[in-house]
Amino acid sequence: MKIEMARMAKWCSRIFFQTIFVFFILSLCFASDLTLLRTPSTGYQPQFQVSGNKIYYVWHEYDGPFRQIFTAEMNRDGTGWKAEKRTSGQFDKVFPQLHVAGSKIYYVWQQPDATKNRQIWTAEMNIDGTEWKHVQRTNTPVDKQFPQLQVVGNRVYHAWNESDGKRRQIWTAEMNIDGTGWNATRRTSTSFDKFEPQLQVIEDKIYFVWRESDGAHYQIWTGLMSRDGTGWQAFKRTTTPFDKHNPQLEVQGGKIYLTWHEADRPDWRKAKYQIWTAGMNIDGTGWQAIQRTKTPFDKYTPQLQVVGDRIHYVWEESDGKYRQIWTAATNKDGAGWNPEKRTASRYGKYDPQFHIFGNKIHYVWHENHGPIEPIWVAVETLTN
């Protein structure tokens, strides 16, 4: 469903004034029902989650000299956008994540202290936006990056990478949902840098993925431990002489599904980054990785979600001048890859995220408009 600008422009302009609410601008129409909306907010690396009849967002944005945490909510029908600045003061606050659980929203981000070492901060608020509370969770004199979180039951689980003075290691932490009982543990100790850990809690296990240097290139590693923190295991999953970045995972139905972007040459400076996917059994057997793209354009930050018997993907891809949004889906066995370019405007689009909820696919990303970075959202009907 590529954009057909010339044929659709007249029709889109008429429909726009009849259907869209005042806070948004409908920019483009697709042959499918994909609808794009520019929000009134600006910022970087937005994250979101659909819950009930609402969509909840978090991102970081400059307030002048420093980057602050912003949150927003809107109705699933695209109305009622409401954003609020949640932090203030000195020190950049970046890479926020969120998890909506029951009547609360839980957050985590990284924020430097006076020594310029980035620390882990968490926050929570009621789902109606009241009673925001934030807490610095770490204070050791080493740098920490890319925290993640998941809420399960009455516990909040975290992962991040942290310097040991020479190399980056994987750390995990857990706490009670009331904020008490914070307990952090270093999980790795090898003399190679590790970045971008992701986690997913399933029943009594926590599954992890990250990228780790082998001295020449970054490889995909996975990890596993019990929810009580015992039984840590780590496994190197790739060995090829190509750099791999931004690994993601989803565990479902006895399988672990993964995606990342990977250089197509040993020298990353001469390479183009391609989309890769992989799958394995939940016990770690049966690893299979597949290169999904081969075109001479860079592709970054793939995300995935498994729904029914399909695996859905989204990523950003250069068209030679600007980054565009692309999507694809496969069967669970990996067959039927069908990539589609979903945008074509003359603005770079970055860090796309998506969430399938019911029969709708919701998206968010930010666009480079020069002095500002508008946050965009989109929605379409889920089809097989």
Protein backbone atom coordinates (compact mmCIF):
# COMPACT_ATOMS: atom_id res chain seq x y z
CA MET A 1 0.00 0.00 0.00
CA LYS A 2 2.46 2.63 -1.15
CA ILE A 3 1.41 6.24 -0.99
CA GLU A 4 -0.26 7.51 -4.13
CA MET A 5 0.21 11.21 -3.61
CA ALA A 6 -0.98 12.56 -6.93
CA ARG A 7 -4.21 10.58 -7.16
CA MET A 8 -5.16 10.92 -3.52
CA ALA A 9 -4.30 14.55 -2.70
CA LYS A 10 -7.64 16.05 -3.68
CA TRP A 11 -9.65 13.38 -1.91
CA CYS A 12 -7.51 13.64 1.23
CA SER A 13 -7.95 17.39 1.52
CA ARG A 14 -11.74 17.08 1.51
CA ILE A 15 -11.88 14.27 4.02
CA PHE A 16 -9.41 16.00 6.31
CA PHE A 17 -11.68 18.88 7.29
CA GLN A 18 -14.57 16.56 7.96
CA THR A 19 -12.86 13.95 10.12
CA ILE A 20 -9.75 15.05 11.97
CA PHE A 21 -9.78 16.72 15.37
CA VAL A 22 -8.16 20.08 15.96
CA PHE A 23 -4.95 18.87 17.62
CA PHE A 24 -3.70 16.89 14.66
CA ILE A 25 -2.86 17.32 11.00
CA LEU A 26 -3.57 14.54 8.56
CA SER A 27 -0.63 14.55 6.21
CA LEU A 28 -1.07 11.65 3.85
CA CYS A 29 -3.59 9.04 2.76
CA PHE A 30 -2.80 5.49 1.80
CA ALA A 31 -4.45 2.94 -0.40
CA SER A 32 -4.87 1.04 2.89
CA ASP A 33 -6.54 2.59 5.92
CA LEU A 34 -3.21 3.69 7.44
CA THR A 35 -3.79 7.15 8.87
CA LEU A 36 -0.95 9.44 9.98
CA LEU A 37 -1.39 12.21 12.53
CA ARG A 38 1.05 14.90 13.57
CA THR A 39 0.69 15.61 17.28
CA PRO A 40 1.14 19.06 18.84
CA SER A 41 4.20 17.76 20.72
CA THR A 42 7.87 17.59 19.79
CA GLY A 43 10.59 15.36 21.15
CA TYR A 44 12.84 12.36 20.70
CA GLN A 45 12.54 8.58 20.87
CA PRO A 46 8.90 8.34 21.90
CA GLN A 47 7.68 5.12 23.52
CA PHE A 48 4.09 4.10 24.11
CA GLN A 49 1.63 1.47 25.26
CA VAL A 50 -2.04 0.93 24.48
CA SER A 51 -4.17 0.08 27.50
CA GLY A 52 -7.95 -0.02 27.53
CA ASN A 53 -9.32 2.90 25.54
CA LYS A 54 -6.20 5.04 25.98
CA ILE A 55 -2.71 5.27 24.53
CA TYR A 56 0.07 6.41 26.89
CA TYR A 57 3.34 7.97 25.69
CA VAL A 58 6.70 9.06 27.06
CA TRP A 59 9.68 10.80 25.41
CA HIS A 60 12.48 13.26 26.12
CA GLU A 61 12.61 16.84 24.83
CA TYR A 62 14.70 19.97 25.40
CA ASP A 63 13.31 22.64 27.72
CA GLY A 64 16.18 24.94 26.74
CA PRO A 65 19.54 23.79 28.11
CA PHE A 66 18.45 20.31 29.27
CA ARG A 67 16.35 17.39 28.12
CA GLN A 68 13.32 16.58 30.25
CA ILE A 69 10.79 13.76 30.50
CA PHE A 70 7.40 14.37 28.90
CA THR A 71 4.32 12.15 28.99
CA ALA A 72 1.10 12.22 27.02
CA GLU A 73 -2.12 10.34 26.58
CA MET A 74 -4.81 10.24 23.95
CA ASN A 75 -7.91 8.23 23.18
CA ARG A 76 -7.56 5.27 20.83
CA ASP A 77 -9.74 7.09 18.30
CA GLY A 78 -7.08 9.83 18.02
CA THR A 79 -8.85 12.48 20.07
CA GLY A 80 -7.93 14.10 23.34
CA TRP A 81 -4.14 14.46 23.06
CA LYS A 82 -2.82 15.79 26.38
CA ALA A 83 0.91 16.19 27.09
CA GLU A 84 2.75 17.27 30.22
CA LYS A 85 6.34 18.00 31.18
CA ARG A 86 7.21 15.76 34.14
CA THR A 87 10.75 16.78 35.13
CA SER A 88 12.74 19.98 35.40
CA GLY A 89 16.12 21.26 36.47
CA GLN A 90 19.62 20.49 35.31
CA PHE A 91 20.95 17.23 33.80
CA ASP A 92 19.70 15.57 30.63
CA LYS A 93 17.07 12.89 31.12
CA VAL A 94 16.93 10.52 28.14
CA PHE A 95 15.74 7.18 26.78
CA PRO A 96 12.63 6.88 28.96
CA GLN A 97 10.62 3.64 28.91
CA LEU A 98 7.19 2.93 30.34
CA HIS A 99 4.93 0.07 31.35
CA VAL A 100 1.22 0.50 32.09
CA ALA A 101 0.02 -1.97 34.72
CA GLY A 102 -3.41 -1.72 36.31
CA SER A 103 -4.04 1.79 37.59
CA LYS A 104 -0.37 2.85 37.45
CA ILE A 105 2.26 3.74 34.86
CA TYR A 106 5.87 2.89 35.67
CA TYR A 107 8.89 4.57 34.06
CA VAL A 108 12.66 4.29 33.87
CA TRP A 109 15.33 6.51 32.26
CA GLN A 110 19.01 7.44 32.47
CA GLN A 111 20.19 10.75 33.92
CA PRO A 112 23.73 12.01 34.65
CA ASP A 113 24.78 13.19 38.05
CA ALA A 114 27.23 15.97 38.87
CA THR A 115 30.14 13.69 37.96
CA LYS A 116 28.60 13.08 34.49
CA ASN A 117 28.03 9.41 35.23
CA ARG A 118 24.56 8.44 34.07
CA GLN A 119 22.37 6.91 36.77
CA ILE A 120 19.14 4.93 36.71
CA TRP A 121 15.97 6.78 37.69
CA THR A 122 12.46 5.40 38.02
CA ALA A 123 9.06 7.03 38.34
CA GLU A 124 5.41 6.16 38.69
CA MET A 125 2.10 7.94 38.43
CA ASN A 126 -1.57 7.10 38.41
CA ILE A 127 -3.08 6.27 35.07
CA ASP A 128 -5.05 9.54 35.21
CA GLY A 129 -1.78 11.52 35.32
CA THR A 130 -1.81 12.39 39.00
CA GLU A 131 0.72 11.74 41.78
CA TRP A 132 3.91 11.69 39.71
CA LYS A 133 6.86 10.49 41.84
CA HIS A 134 10.44 9.94 40.67
CA VAL A 135 13.44 8.42 42.47
CA GLN A 136 17.16 8.07 41.72
CA ARG A 137 17.90 4.34 42.01
CA THR A 138 21.68 4.19 41.52
CA ASN A 139 24.53 6.40 42.68
CA THR A 140 27.75 4.47 42.07
CA PRO A 141 30.55 6.41 40.31
CA VAL A 142 30.24 4.55 36.99
CA ASP A 143 28.15 5.14 33.88
CA LYS A 144 24.86 3.35 33.13
CA GLN A 145 22.87 3.22 29.88
CA PHE A 146 19.69 2.04 28.15
CA PRO A 147 17.50 0.89 31.05
CA GLN A 148 14.44 -1.27 30.37
CA LEU A 149 11.58 -2.40 32.58
CA GLN A 150 8.66 -4.80 32.82
CA VAL A 151 5.99 -5.00 35.51
CA VAL A 152 4.70 -8.46 36.41
CA GLY A 153 2.41 -8.98 39.37
CA ASN A 154 3.70 -7.00 42.33
CA ARG A 155 7.27 -6.68 41.02
CA VAL A 156 9.11 -4.42 38.58
CA TYR A 157 12.05 -5.94 36.70
CA HIS A 158 14.84 -3.88 35.08
CA ALA A 159 17.94 -4.33 32.93
CA TRP A 160 20.65 -1.95 31.69
CA ASN A 161 24.35 -1.87 30.78
CA GLU A 162 26.86 -0.42 33.21
CA SER A 163 30.58 0.31 33.10
CA ASP A 164 32.84 -1.68 35.42
CA GLY A 165 35.55 0.92 34.89
CA LYS A 166 36.80 -0.65 31.68
CA ARG A 167 33.96 -2.52 29.96
CA ARG A 168 30.17 -2.42 29.83
CA GLN A 169 28.38 -5.20 31.70
CA ILE A 170 24.75 -6.34 31.96
CA TRP A 171 22.97 -5.46 35.19
CA THR A 172 19.48 -6.37 36.38
CA ALA A 173 17.34 -5.11 39.24
CA GLU A 174 13.95 -5.70 40.74
CA MET A 175 11.75 -3.88 43.21
CA ASN A 176 8.24 -3.98 44.59
CA ILE A 177 5.58 -2.02 42.74
CA ASP A 178 5.37 0.38 45.70
CA GLY A 179 9.02 1.32 45.05
CA THR A 180 10.52 -0.53 47.99
CA GLY A 181 13.03 -3.35 47.93
CA TRP A 182 15.31 -2.19 45.10
CA ASN A 183 17.96 -4.86 44.51
CA ALA A 184 20.52 -4.58 41.67
CA THR A 185 22.94 -7.29 40.53
CA ARG A 186 25.74 -7.40 37.97
CA ARG A 187 25.15 -10.37 35.65
CA THR A 188 28.25 -10.42 33.43
CA SER A 189 31.97 -9.85 33.95
CA THR A 190 33.78 -10.68 30.69
CA SER A 191 36.24 -8.23 29.14
CA PHE A 192 33.97 -7.24 26.24
CA ASP A 193 31.46 -4.38 25.99
CA LYS A 194 27.76 -5.21 26.15
CA PHE A 195 24.96 -2.83 25.10
CA GLU A 196 21.20 -2.47 24.64
CA PRO A 197 19.83 -5.24 26.86
CA GLN A 198 16.16 -6.14 26.49
CA LEU A 199 14.14 -8.36 28.79
CA GLN A 200 10.85 -10.23 28.90
CA VAL A 201 9.36 -11.98 31.90
CA ILE A 202 7.42 -15.17 31.13
CA GLU A 203 6.03 -17.22 33.99
CA ASP A 204 8.97 -18.04 36.31
CA LYS A 205 11.75 -17.03 33.87
CA ILE A 206 13.28 -13.81 32.55
CA TYR A 207 14.68 -13.85 29.02
CA PHE A 208 17.27 -11.35 27.77
CA VAL A 209 19.00 -10.26 24.59
CA TRP A 210 21.86 -7.79 24.04
CA ARG A 211 24.74 -7.06 21.67
CA GLU A 212 28.28 -7.82 22.78
CA SER A 213 31.68 -7.18 21.23
CA ASP A 214 33.90 -10.15 20.42
CA GLY A 215 36.87 -7.82 20.06
CA ALA A 216 36.21 -7.06 16.40
CA HIS A 217 32.43 -7.05 15.87
CA TYR A 218 29.22 -6.93 17.86
CA GLN A 219 27.38 -10.25 18.19
CA ILE A 220 23.93 -11.23 19.46
CA TRP A 221 23.82 -12.78 22.92
CA THR A 222 20.84 -14.08 24.86
CA GLY A 223 20.43 -14.71 28.58
CA LEU A 224 18.11 -16.50 30.94
CA MET A 225 17.47 -16.61 34.66
CA SER A 226 14.72 -17.44 37.13
CA ARG A 227 12.50 -14.61 38.36
CA ASP A 228 14.07 -14.93 41.80
CA GLY A 229 17.44 -13.98 40.26
CA THR A 230 19.03 -17.42 40.36
CA GLY A 231 20.33 -19.58 37.55
CA TRP A 232 21.81 -16.90 35.26
CA GLN A 233 22.95 -18.29 31.88
CA ALA A 234 24.35 -16.43 28.84
CA PHE A 235 24.75 -17.69 25.27
CA LYS A 236 26.54 -16.27 22.24
CA ARG A 237 24.17 -16.68 19.28
CA THR A 238 26.10 -15.25 16.32
CA THR A 239 29.72 -15.33 15.17
CA THR A 240 29.81 -13.70 11.72
CA PRO A 241 32.23 -10.78 11.07
CA PHE A 242 29.47 -8.17 10.80
CA ASP A 243 28.33 -5.66 13.44
CA LYS A 244 24.85 -6.25 14.88
CA HIS A 245 22.79 -3.62 16.72
CA ASN A 246 19.49 -2.97 18.46
CA PRO A 247 18.42 -6.57 19.21
CA GLN A 248 14.78 -7.10 20.22
CA LEU A 249 12.97 -10.21 21.39
CA GLU A 250 9.53 -11.59 22.08
CA VAL A 251 8.79 -14.87 23.82
CA GLN A 252 5.57 -16.62 22.93
CA GLY A 253 4.24 -20.15 22.76
CA GLY A 254 7.45 -22.00 23.46
CA LYS A 255 9.47 -19.91 21.00
CA ILE A 256 11.72 -16.86 21.15
CA TYR A 257 11.54 -14.49 18.18
CA LEU A 258 14.24 -11.86 17.58
CA THR A 259 15.21 -9.06 15.22
CA TRP A 260 18.14 -6.63 14.81
CA HIS A 261 19.94 -4.57 12.16
CA GLU A 262 23.29 -5.82 10.86
CA ALA A 263 26.07 -4.48 8.65
CA ASP A 264 26.40 -6.25 5.31
CA ARG A 265 30.20 -5.81 5.23
CA PRO A 266 32.91 -6.40 7.82
CA ASP A 267 33.90 -2.73 7.66
CA TRP A 268 30.83 -0.95 9.04
CA ARG A 269 32.01 2.35 7.50
CA LYS A 270 31.50 0.85 4.02
CA ALA A 271 28.46 -1.24 4.90
CA LYS A 272 24.72 -0.82 4.68
CA TYR A 273 22.67 -2.06 7.59
CA GLN A 274 20.09 -4.76 6.84
CA ILE A 275 17.19 -6.28 8.78
CA TRP A 276 17.72 -9.73 10.27
CA THR A 277 15.30 -11.96 12.12
CA ALA A 278 15.82 -15.12 14.13
CA GLY A 279 13.93 -17.72 16.09
CA MET A 280 14.69 -20.49 18.52
CA ASN A 281 12.96 -22.77 20.95
CA ILE A 282 12.43 -21.49 24.48
CA ASP A 283 15.02 -23.98 25.72
CA GLY A 284 17.64 -22.34 23.48
CA THR A 285 17.76 -25.03 20.81
CA GLY A 286 16.98 -24.65 17.12
CA TRP A 287 18.52 -21.21 16.51
CA GLN A 288 17.87 -19.98 12.95
CA ALA A 289 18.76 -16.50 11.68
CA ILE A 290 17.68 -15.01 8.32
CA GLN A 291 18.79 -11.87 6.49
CA ARG A 292 15.54 -10.23 5.41
CA THR A 293 16.71 -7.25 3.33
CA LYS A 294 19.48 -6.68 0.80
CA THR A 295 18.79 -3.31 -0.80
CA PRO A 296 21.59 -0.68 -0.82
CA PHE A 297 19.90 1.54 1.80
CA ASP A 298 20.48 1.66 5.55
CA LYS A 299 17.81 0.19 7.81
CA TYR A 300 17.70 0.68 11.56
CA THR A 301 15.87 -0.01 14.85
CA PRO A 302 13.58 -2.89 13.90
CA GLN A 303 10.80 -3.81 16.35
CA LEU A 304 8.61 -6.89 16.42
CA GLN A 305 5.36 -8.18 17.87
CA VAL A 306 3.85 -11.66 17.59
CA VAL A 307 0.08 -11.82 17.18
CA GLY A 308 -1.74 -15.04 16.40
CA ASP A 309 0.21 -16.96 13.79
CA ARG A 310 2.03 -13.88 12.43
CA ILE A 311 5.14 -11.89 13.37
CA HIS A 312 4.90 -8.18 12.58
CA TYR A 313 7.84 -5.79 12.15
CA VAL A 314 8.51 -2.08 11.77
CA TRP A 315 11.78 -0.20 11.09
CA GLU A 316 13.21 3.00 9.63
CA GLU A 317 14.88 2.86 6.20
CA SER A 318 16.66 5.43 4.07
CA ASP A 319 15.28 6.18 0.62
CA GLY A 320 18.59 7.78 -0.32
CA LYS A 321 17.73 11.12 1.30
CA TYR A 322 15.28 10.59 4.14
CA ARG A 323 14.43 7.83 6.58
CA GLN A 324 11.00 6.32 5.91
CA ILE A 325 8.80 3.92 7.86
CA TRP A 326 8.67 0.33 6.62
CA THR A 327 6.67 -2.63 7.89
CA ALA A 328 6.63 -6.36 7.21
CA ALA A 329 5.07 -9.57 8.49
CA THR A 330 5.86 -13.26 8.31
CA ASN A 331 4.31 -16.49 9.42
CA LYS A 332 5.67 -17.86 12.68
CA ASP A 333 7.78 -20.31 10.70
CA GLY A 334 9.48 -17.36 9.00
CA ALA A 335 7.79 -17.77 5.63
CA GLY A 336 5.98 -15.03 3.71
CA TRP A 337 8.18 -11.96 4.31
CA ASN A 338 6.40 -8.99 2.71
CA PRO A 339 8.09 -5.61 3.31
CA GLU A 340 6.17 -2.40 2.54
CA LYS A 341 7.28 1.22 2.46
CA ARG A 342 4.65 3.18 4.40
CA THR A 343 5.77 6.82 4.16
CA ALA A 344 7.37 9.05 1.54
CA SER A 345 7.47 12.64 2.87
CA ARG A 346 10.66 14.72 2.74
CA TYR A 347 11.43 14.44 6.43
CA GLY A 348 13.55 11.86 8.20
CA LYS A 349 11.58 9.54 10.49
CA TYR A 350 13.27 7.92 13.44
CA ASP A 351 12.79 5.33 16.16
CA PRO A 352 9.44 3.85 15.09
CA GLN A 353 7.54 1.87 17.69
CA PHE A 354 4.30 -0.06 17.30
CA HIS A 355 1.72 -1.88 19.40
CA ILE A 356 -0.96 -4.21 18.08
CA PHE A 357 -4.06 -4.01 20.24
CA GLY A 358 -7.24 -5.77 19.19
CA ASN A 359 -7.64 -5.36 15.44
CA LYS A 360 -5.56 -2.16 15.21
CA ILE A 361 -1.86 -1.45 14.77
CA HIS A 362 -0.75 1.77 16.47
CA TYR A 363 2.57 3.49 15.64
CA VAL A 364 4.68 6.37 16.91
CA TRP A 365 7.94 8.02 15.72
CA HIS A 366 9.61 11.42 15.59
CA GLU A 367 10.47 13.38 12.43
CA ASN A 368 13.36 15.70 11.70
CA HIS A 369 11.92 19.07 10.68
CA GLY A 370 15.14 20.97 11.26
CA PRO A 371 14.74 23.04 14.43
CA ILE A 372 11.96 20.80 15.81
CA GLU A 373 11.19 17.08 15.95
CA PRO A 374 7.40 16.61 15.77
CA ILE A 375 6.00 13.42 17.21
CA TRP A 376 3.80 11.52 14.80
CA VAL A 377 1.34 8.71 15.42
CA ALA A 378 -0.45 6.39 13.01
CA VAL A 379 -3.06 3.65 13.08
CA GLU A 380 -4.30 1.00 10.69
CA THR A 381 -6.46 -2.10 10.77
CA LEU A 382 -4.65 -5.39 11.33
CA THR A 383 -4.93 -7.68 8.32
CA ASN A 384 -3.48 -11.12 7.69
